[in-house]
Amino acid sequence: MESEGGEALSIDFKLWLEFEEVDPGNWDIYNDAANVGIELADGRCYGINVWTFRFLETMIGIDEKQVAIGAGLFIVPPDLFVKELTRECIEQTIRHLLFKGDLEDVLNPSVLAPRK
C-alpha cells in the first residue's frame, strides 16, 4: 500500500488467527467465522470477531430456523466481514483499515482492549 505521496506505507502489527491455531486446515475459508487478535507496535491490542461474506448468509438461514424470540428478525453482526479467512486477506484488510485510521475509530469501539 502506498501513501498519497507514493511511498510505501509500513504499518507494524502482529496477528493471532484462530483458524491457524485451532484445528488448522479444517475451516471453510469462504463460509466461516473466526476470532482474530491484533497487536500494534505501540502496545494497543484488539480482539475482533470476523465473518466471511458467505457466512452471513449461512447465519441468516440458521437463525430463520430457530424458535427463539426474535429468530429471523435480526443477527448481531461481527466486528468485521471479509472475503475469505486467510492470513493474506486479513493482513491486507487490517493494513487498509489502519491506513484509514485507528481501529477504535474505523471499527466498533467495543473492540478496544486496555493498553498493556
N, C-alpha and C. Protein backbone atom coordinates (compact mmCIF):
# COMPACT_ATOMS: atom_id res chain seq x y z
N MET A 1 0.86 -1.17 0.00
CA MET A 1 0.00 0.00 0.00
C MET A 1 0.90 1.23 0.00
N GLU A 2 0.45 2.26 -0.64
CA GLU A 2 1.23 3.48 -0.72
C GLU A 2 0.46 4.64 -0.12
N SER A 3 1.23 5.59 0.42
CA SER A 3 0.61 6.82 0.92
C SER A 3 0.31 7.73 -0.26
N GLU A 4 -0.28 8.88 0.02
CA GLU A 4 -0.62 9.83 -1.05
C GLU A 4 0.61 10.26 -1.83
N GLY A 5 1.76 10.33 -1.19
CA GLY A 5 2.98 10.75 -1.86
C GLY A 5 3.63 9.65 -2.69
N GLY A 6 3.07 8.42 -2.64
CA GLY A 6 3.60 7.34 -3.45
C GLY A 6 4.57 6.44 -2.72
N GLU A 7 5.06 6.84 -1.52
CA GLU A 7 5.99 5.97 -0.82
C GLU A 7 5.23 4.83 -0.15
N ALA A 8 5.92 3.70 0.02
CA ALA A 8 5.30 2.52 0.63
C ALA A 8 4.93 2.82 2.07
N LEU A 9 3.76 2.36 2.47
CA LEU A 9 3.28 2.58 3.83
C LEU A 9 3.53 1.32 4.64
N SER A 10 4.27 1.44 5.72
CA SER A 10 4.56 0.30 6.57
C SER A 10 3.87 0.50 7.92
N ILE A 11 2.94 -0.38 8.22
CA ILE A 11 2.24 -0.35 9.49
C ILE A 11 2.55 -1.67 10.18
N ASP A 12 3.20 -1.59 11.33
CA ASP A 12 3.66 -2.77 12.03
C ASP A 12 2.57 -3.31 12.96
N PHE A 13 2.21 -4.58 12.78
CA PHE A 13 1.26 -5.23 13.69
C PHE A 13 1.47 -6.74 13.62
N LYS A 14 1.00 -7.43 14.66
CA LYS A 14 1.03 -8.89 14.71
C LYS A 14 -0.40 -9.39 14.73
N LEU A 15 -0.62 -10.53 14.09
CA LEU A 15 -1.94 -11.15 14.07
C LEU A 15 -1.90 -12.50 14.76
N TRP A 16 -2.94 -12.79 15.52
CA TRP A 16 -3.22 -14.14 16.00
C TRP A 16 -4.52 -14.54 15.32
N LEU A 17 -4.49 -15.66 14.61
CA LEU A 17 -5.65 -16.09 13.84
C LEU A 17 -6.14 -17.43 14.36
N GLU A 18 -7.37 -17.45 14.84
CA GLU A 18 -7.93 -18.67 15.42
C GLU A 18 -7.85 -19.84 14.45
N PHE A 19 -8.09 -19.59 13.17
CA PHE A 19 -8.09 -20.68 12.19
C PHE A 19 -6.70 -21.26 11.94
N GLU A 20 -5.64 -20.57 12.37
CA GLU A 20 -4.29 -21.14 12.29
C GLU A 20 -3.93 -21.91 13.56
N GLU A 21 -4.55 -21.54 14.68
CA GLU A 21 -4.19 -22.11 15.97
C GLU A 21 -5.10 -23.26 16.42
N VAL A 22 -6.36 -23.23 16.01
CA VAL A 22 -7.34 -24.22 16.45
C VAL A 22 -7.79 -25.04 15.24
N ASP A 23 -7.43 -26.31 15.21
CA ASP A 23 -7.84 -27.22 14.14
C ASP A 23 -7.51 -26.66 12.75
N PRO A 24 -6.24 -26.28 12.53
CA PRO A 24 -5.87 -25.71 11.22
C PRO A 24 -6.18 -26.68 10.08
N GLY A 25 -6.59 -26.11 8.97
CA GLY A 25 -6.90 -26.91 7.79
C GLY A 25 -8.34 -27.41 7.74
N ASN A 26 -9.08 -27.23 8.82
CA ASN A 26 -10.46 -27.70 8.86
C ASN A 26 -11.46 -26.56 8.94
N TRP A 27 -11.14 -25.44 8.31
CA TRP A 27 -12.02 -24.28 8.26
C TRP A 27 -12.42 -24.06 6.82
N ASP A 28 -13.64 -23.61 6.62
CA ASP A 28 -14.10 -23.25 5.28
C ASP A 28 -13.73 -21.78 5.09
N ILE A 29 -12.70 -21.51 4.31
CA ILE A 29 -12.19 -20.13 4.22
C ILE A 29 -13.19 -19.16 3.62
N TYR A 30 -14.20 -19.68 2.91
CA TYR A 30 -15.20 -18.80 2.29
C TYR A 30 -16.52 -18.73 3.06
N ASN A 31 -16.73 -19.65 4.02
CA ASN A 31 -18.01 -19.70 4.72
C ASN A 31 -17.78 -20.10 6.17
N ASP A 32 -17.20 -19.20 6.94
CA ASP A 32 -16.91 -19.48 8.35
C ASP A 32 -16.67 -18.17 9.09
N ALA A 33 -16.39 -18.31 10.37
CA ALA A 33 -16.09 -17.16 11.22
C ALA A 33 -14.93 -17.53 12.13
N ALA A 34 -14.18 -16.53 12.58
CA ALA A 34 -13.04 -16.79 13.45
C ALA A 34 -12.75 -15.56 14.29
N ASN A 35 -12.06 -15.80 15.40
CA ASN A 35 -11.56 -14.71 16.23
C ASN A 35 -10.18 -14.32 15.74
N VAL A 36 -9.89 -13.04 15.81
CA VAL A 36 -8.60 -12.51 15.35
C VAL A 36 -8.06 -11.58 16.43
N GLY A 37 -6.80 -11.77 16.80
CA GLY A 37 -6.13 -10.87 17.72
C GLY A 37 -5.16 -10.00 16.94
N ILE A 38 -5.15 -8.72 17.26
CA ILE A 38 -4.27 -7.76 16.58
C ILE A 38 -3.49 -7.02 17.64
N GLU A 39 -2.17 -7.01 17.50
CA GLU A 39 -1.32 -6.26 18.42
C GLU A 39 -0.50 -5.26 17.61
N LEU A 40 -0.69 -3.98 17.92
CA LEU A 40 0.05 -2.93 17.23
C LEU A 40 1.39 -2.70 17.92
N ALA A 41 2.32 -2.11 17.20
CA ALA A 41 3.66 -1.84 17.73
C ALA A 41 3.62 -0.93 18.95
N ASP A 42 2.60 -0.08 19.07
CA ASP A 42 2.52 0.83 20.21
C ASP A 42 1.87 0.19 21.44
N GLY A 43 1.55 -1.11 21.37
CA GLY A 43 1.01 -1.83 22.52
C GLY A 43 -0.50 -1.98 22.53
N ARG A 44 -1.19 -1.28 21.65
CA ARG A 44 -2.65 -1.46 21.60
C ARG A 44 -2.97 -2.86 21.08
N CYS A 45 -3.97 -3.47 21.70
CA CYS A 45 -4.40 -4.81 21.32
C CYS A 45 -5.89 -4.81 21.04
N TYR A 46 -6.29 -5.59 20.08
CA TYR A 46 -7.69 -5.70 19.69
C TYR A 46 -8.04 -7.18 19.55
N GLY A 47 -9.24 -7.52 19.92
CA GLY A 47 -9.80 -8.84 19.67
C GLY A 47 -11.07 -8.64 18.88
N ILE A 48 -11.12 -9.18 17.67
CA ILE A 48 -12.31 -8.97 16.84
C ILE A 48 -12.84 -10.30 16.32
N ASN A 49 -14.13 -10.33 16.10
CA ASN A 49 -14.82 -11.47 15.52
C ASN A 49 -15.00 -11.16 14.04
N VAL A 50 -14.53 -12.07 13.20
CA VAL A 50 -14.53 -11.86 11.75
C VAL A 50 -15.36 -12.95 11.07
N TRP A 51 -16.27 -12.52 10.20
CA TRP A 51 -17.08 -13.45 9.40
C TRP A 51 -16.76 -13.24 7.93
N THR A 52 -16.88 -14.32 7.16
CA THR A 52 -16.83 -14.16 5.71
C THR A 52 -18.20 -13.68 5.23
N PHE A 53 -18.22 -13.10 4.04
CA PHE A 53 -19.48 -12.63 3.46
C PHE A 53 -20.50 -13.77 3.37
N ARG A 54 -20.03 -14.94 2.94
CA ARG A 54 -20.94 -16.08 2.76
C ARG A 54 -21.47 -16.58 4.10
N PHE A 55 -20.67 -16.43 5.17
CA PHE A 55 -21.11 -16.91 6.48
C PHE A 55 -22.32 -16.13 6.98
N LEU A 56 -22.44 -14.87 6.58
CA LEU A 56 -23.63 -14.11 6.95
C LEU A 56 -24.87 -14.80 6.39
N GLU A 57 -24.81 -15.22 5.14
CA GLU A 57 -25.94 -15.94 4.54
C GLU A 57 -26.24 -17.22 5.31
N THR A 58 -25.20 -17.93 5.71
CA THR A 58 -25.37 -19.16 6.50
C THR A 58 -26.06 -18.86 7.82
N MET A 59 -25.62 -17.81 8.49
CA MET A 59 -26.21 -17.45 9.78
C MET A 59 -27.67 -17.02 9.63
N ILE A 60 -27.99 -16.33 8.56
CA ILE A 60 -29.39 -15.95 8.32
C ILE A 60 -30.24 -17.21 8.19
N GLY A 61 -29.77 -18.19 7.44
CA GLY A 61 -30.50 -19.44 7.28
C GLY A 61 -30.67 -20.19 8.59
N ILE A 62 -29.62 -20.23 9.40
CA ILE A 62 -29.70 -20.89 10.70
C ILE A 62 -30.66 -20.15 11.61
N ASP A 63 -30.54 -18.83 11.64
CA ASP A 63 -31.37 -18.03 12.53
C ASP A 63 -32.85 -18.13 12.18
N GLU A 64 -33.17 -18.19 10.91
CA GLU A 64 -34.57 -18.29 10.48
C GLU A 64 -35.23 -19.58 10.94
N LYS A 65 -34.42 -20.62 11.21
CA LYS A 65 -34.95 -21.91 11.64
C LYS A 65 -35.11 -22.01 13.16
N GLN A 66 -34.61 -21.03 13.89
CA GLN A 66 -34.70 -21.04 15.35
C GLN A 66 -36.12 -20.74 15.80
N VAL A 67 -36.45 -21.19 17.01
CA VAL A 67 -37.78 -20.91 17.57
C VAL A 67 -37.71 -19.84 18.66
N ALA A 68 -36.53 -19.31 18.89
CA ALA A 68 -36.37 -18.29 19.93
C ALA A 68 -37.05 -16.98 19.51
N ILE A 69 -37.38 -16.19 20.51
CA ILE A 69 -37.96 -14.87 20.24
C ILE A 69 -36.97 -14.05 19.42
N GLY A 70 -37.44 -13.45 18.36
CA GLY A 70 -36.58 -12.64 17.50
C GLY A 70 -35.90 -13.41 16.40
N ALA A 71 -36.10 -14.73 16.36
CA ALA A 71 -35.45 -15.54 15.33
C ALA A 71 -35.87 -15.03 13.95
N GLY A 72 -34.89 -14.86 13.08
CA GLY A 72 -35.15 -14.38 11.73
C GLY A 72 -35.35 -12.88 11.64
N LEU A 73 -35.39 -12.22 12.78
CA LEU A 73 -35.64 -10.77 12.80
C LEU A 73 -34.34 -9.97 12.72
N PHE A 74 -33.28 -10.47 13.35
CA PHE A 74 -32.00 -9.75 13.36
C PHE A 74 -30.87 -10.73 13.63
N ILE A 75 -29.67 -10.29 13.34
CA ILE A 75 -28.45 -11.02 13.68
C ILE A 75 -27.47 -10.00 14.24
N VAL A 76 -26.92 -10.31 15.40
CA VAL A 76 -25.88 -9.43 15.95
C VAL A 76 -24.65 -9.61 15.07
N PRO A 77 -24.17 -8.52 14.46
CA PRO A 77 -23.09 -8.65 13.49
C PRO A 77 -21.73 -8.85 14.15
N PRO A 78 -20.79 -9.37 13.38
CA PRO A 78 -19.42 -9.45 13.87
C PRO A 78 -18.79 -8.05 13.82
N ASP A 79 -17.53 -8.00 14.17
CA ASP A 79 -16.81 -6.73 14.10
C ASP A 79 -16.35 -6.42 12.68
N LEU A 80 -16.20 -7.46 11.85
CA LEU A 80 -15.65 -7.26 10.52
C LEU A 80 -16.09 -8.39 9.59
N PHE A 81 -16.42 -8.05 8.35
CA PHE A 81 -16.68 -9.03 7.30
C PHE A 81 -15.50 -9.01 6.34
N VAL A 82 -15.08 -10.21 5.87
CA VAL A 82 -14.00 -10.32 4.89
C VAL A 82 -14.40 -11.31 3.79
N LYS A 83 -13.67 -11.26 2.69
CA LYS A 83 -13.93 -12.17 1.58
C LYS A 83 -13.61 -13.61 1.96
N GLU A 84 -12.46 -13.80 2.64
CA GLU A 84 -12.03 -15.15 3.00
C GLU A 84 -11.21 -15.15 4.27
N LEU A 85 -11.23 -16.29 4.96
CA LEU A 85 -10.43 -16.44 6.17
C LEU A 85 -9.06 -16.98 5.80
N THR A 86 -8.18 -16.08 5.39
CA THR A 86 -6.79 -16.40 5.12
C THR A 86 -5.94 -15.31 5.75
N ARG A 87 -4.72 -15.66 6.09
CA ARG A 87 -3.81 -14.66 6.66
C ARG A 87 -3.65 -13.50 5.69
N GLU A 88 -3.46 -13.80 4.42
CA GLU A 88 -3.25 -12.74 3.42
C GLU A 88 -4.43 -11.76 3.38
N CYS A 89 -5.64 -12.28 3.32
CA CYS A 89 -6.83 -11.42 3.25
C CYS A 89 -6.97 -10.57 4.51
N ILE A 90 -6.77 -11.18 5.66
CA ILE A 90 -6.95 -10.44 6.91
C ILE A 90 -5.83 -9.43 7.12
N GLU A 91 -4.59 -9.79 6.78
CA GLU A 91 -3.49 -8.82 6.87
C GLU A 91 -3.76 -7.61 5.98
N GLN A 92 -4.15 -7.85 4.74
CA GLN A 92 -4.44 -6.74 3.83
C GLN A 92 -5.59 -5.88 4.34
N THR A 93 -6.61 -6.54 4.87
CA THR A 93 -7.77 -5.81 5.39
C THR A 93 -7.38 -4.93 6.56
N ILE A 94 -6.63 -5.49 7.51
CA ILE A 94 -6.22 -4.71 8.69
C ILE A 94 -5.31 -3.57 8.27
N ARG A 95 -4.39 -3.83 7.33
CA ARG A 95 -3.50 -2.78 6.84
C ARG A 95 -4.31 -1.63 6.21
N HIS A 96 -5.30 -1.96 5.42
CA HIS A 96 -6.17 -0.92 4.81
C HIS A 96 -6.92 -0.15 5.89
N LEU A 97 -7.46 -0.85 6.88
CA LEU A 97 -8.19 -0.17 7.95
C LEU A 97 -7.27 0.75 8.74
N LEU A 98 -6.05 0.28 9.04
CA LEU A 98 -5.10 1.11 9.79
C LEU A 98 -4.66 2.32 8.96
N PHE A 99 -4.61 2.17 7.65
CA PHE A 99 -4.29 3.30 6.78
C PHE A 99 -5.36 4.38 6.90
N LYS A 100 -6.63 3.95 7.11
CA LYS A 100 -7.74 4.89 7.26
C LYS A 100 -7.74 5.56 8.62
N GLY A 101 -7.19 4.90 9.64
CA GLY A 101 -7.19 5.46 10.99
C GLY A 101 -7.02 4.39 12.04
N ASP A 102 -7.18 4.78 13.29
CA ASP A 102 -7.08 3.83 14.39
C ASP A 102 -8.26 2.86 14.33
N LEU A 103 -8.01 1.60 14.67
CA LEU A 103 -9.08 0.61 14.60
C LEU A 103 -10.26 0.98 15.49
N GLU A 104 -9.98 1.62 16.61
CA GLU A 104 -11.08 2.01 17.50
C GLU A 104 -11.96 3.09 16.87
N ASP A 105 -11.46 3.74 15.83
CA ASP A 105 -12.25 4.74 15.13
C ASP A 105 -12.94 4.18 13.88
N VAL A 106 -12.29 3.22 13.21
CA VAL A 106 -12.86 2.69 11.97
C VAL A 106 -13.70 1.44 12.20
N LEU A 107 -13.55 0.80 13.35
CA LEU A 107 -14.38 -0.33 13.73
C LEU A 107 -15.23 0.06 14.93
N ASN A 108 -16.08 -0.86 15.33
CA ASN A 108 -16.89 -0.65 16.53
C ASN A 108 -15.96 -0.41 17.72
N PRO A 109 -16.16 0.66 18.50
CA PRO A 109 -15.25 0.98 19.60
C PRO A 109 -15.19 -0.09 20.69
N SER A 110 -16.12 -1.01 20.73
CA SER A 110 -16.08 -2.05 21.76
C SER A 110 -14.94 -3.03 21.57
N VAL A 111 -14.24 -2.98 20.44
CA VAL A 111 -13.16 -3.92 20.19
C VAL A 111 -11.85 -3.51 20.85
N LEU A 112 -11.77 -2.32 21.42
CA LEU A 112 -10.53 -1.84 22.02
C LEU A 112 -10.30 -2.52 23.35
N ALA A 113 -9.13 -3.10 23.52
CA ALA A 113 -8.74 -3.71 24.79
C ALA A 113 -7.88 -2.72 25.56
N PRO A 114 -7.78 -2.88 26.88
CA PRO A 114 -6.93 -1.98 27.66
C PRO A 114 -5.48 -2.05 27.18
N ARG A 115 -4.80 -0.93 27.24
CA ARG A 115 -3.40 -0.86 26.84
C ARG A 115 -2.55 -1.60 27.86
N LYS A 116 -1.51 -2.29 27.39
CA LYS A 116 -0.59 -3.03 28.28
C LYS A 116 0.23 -2.07 29.09
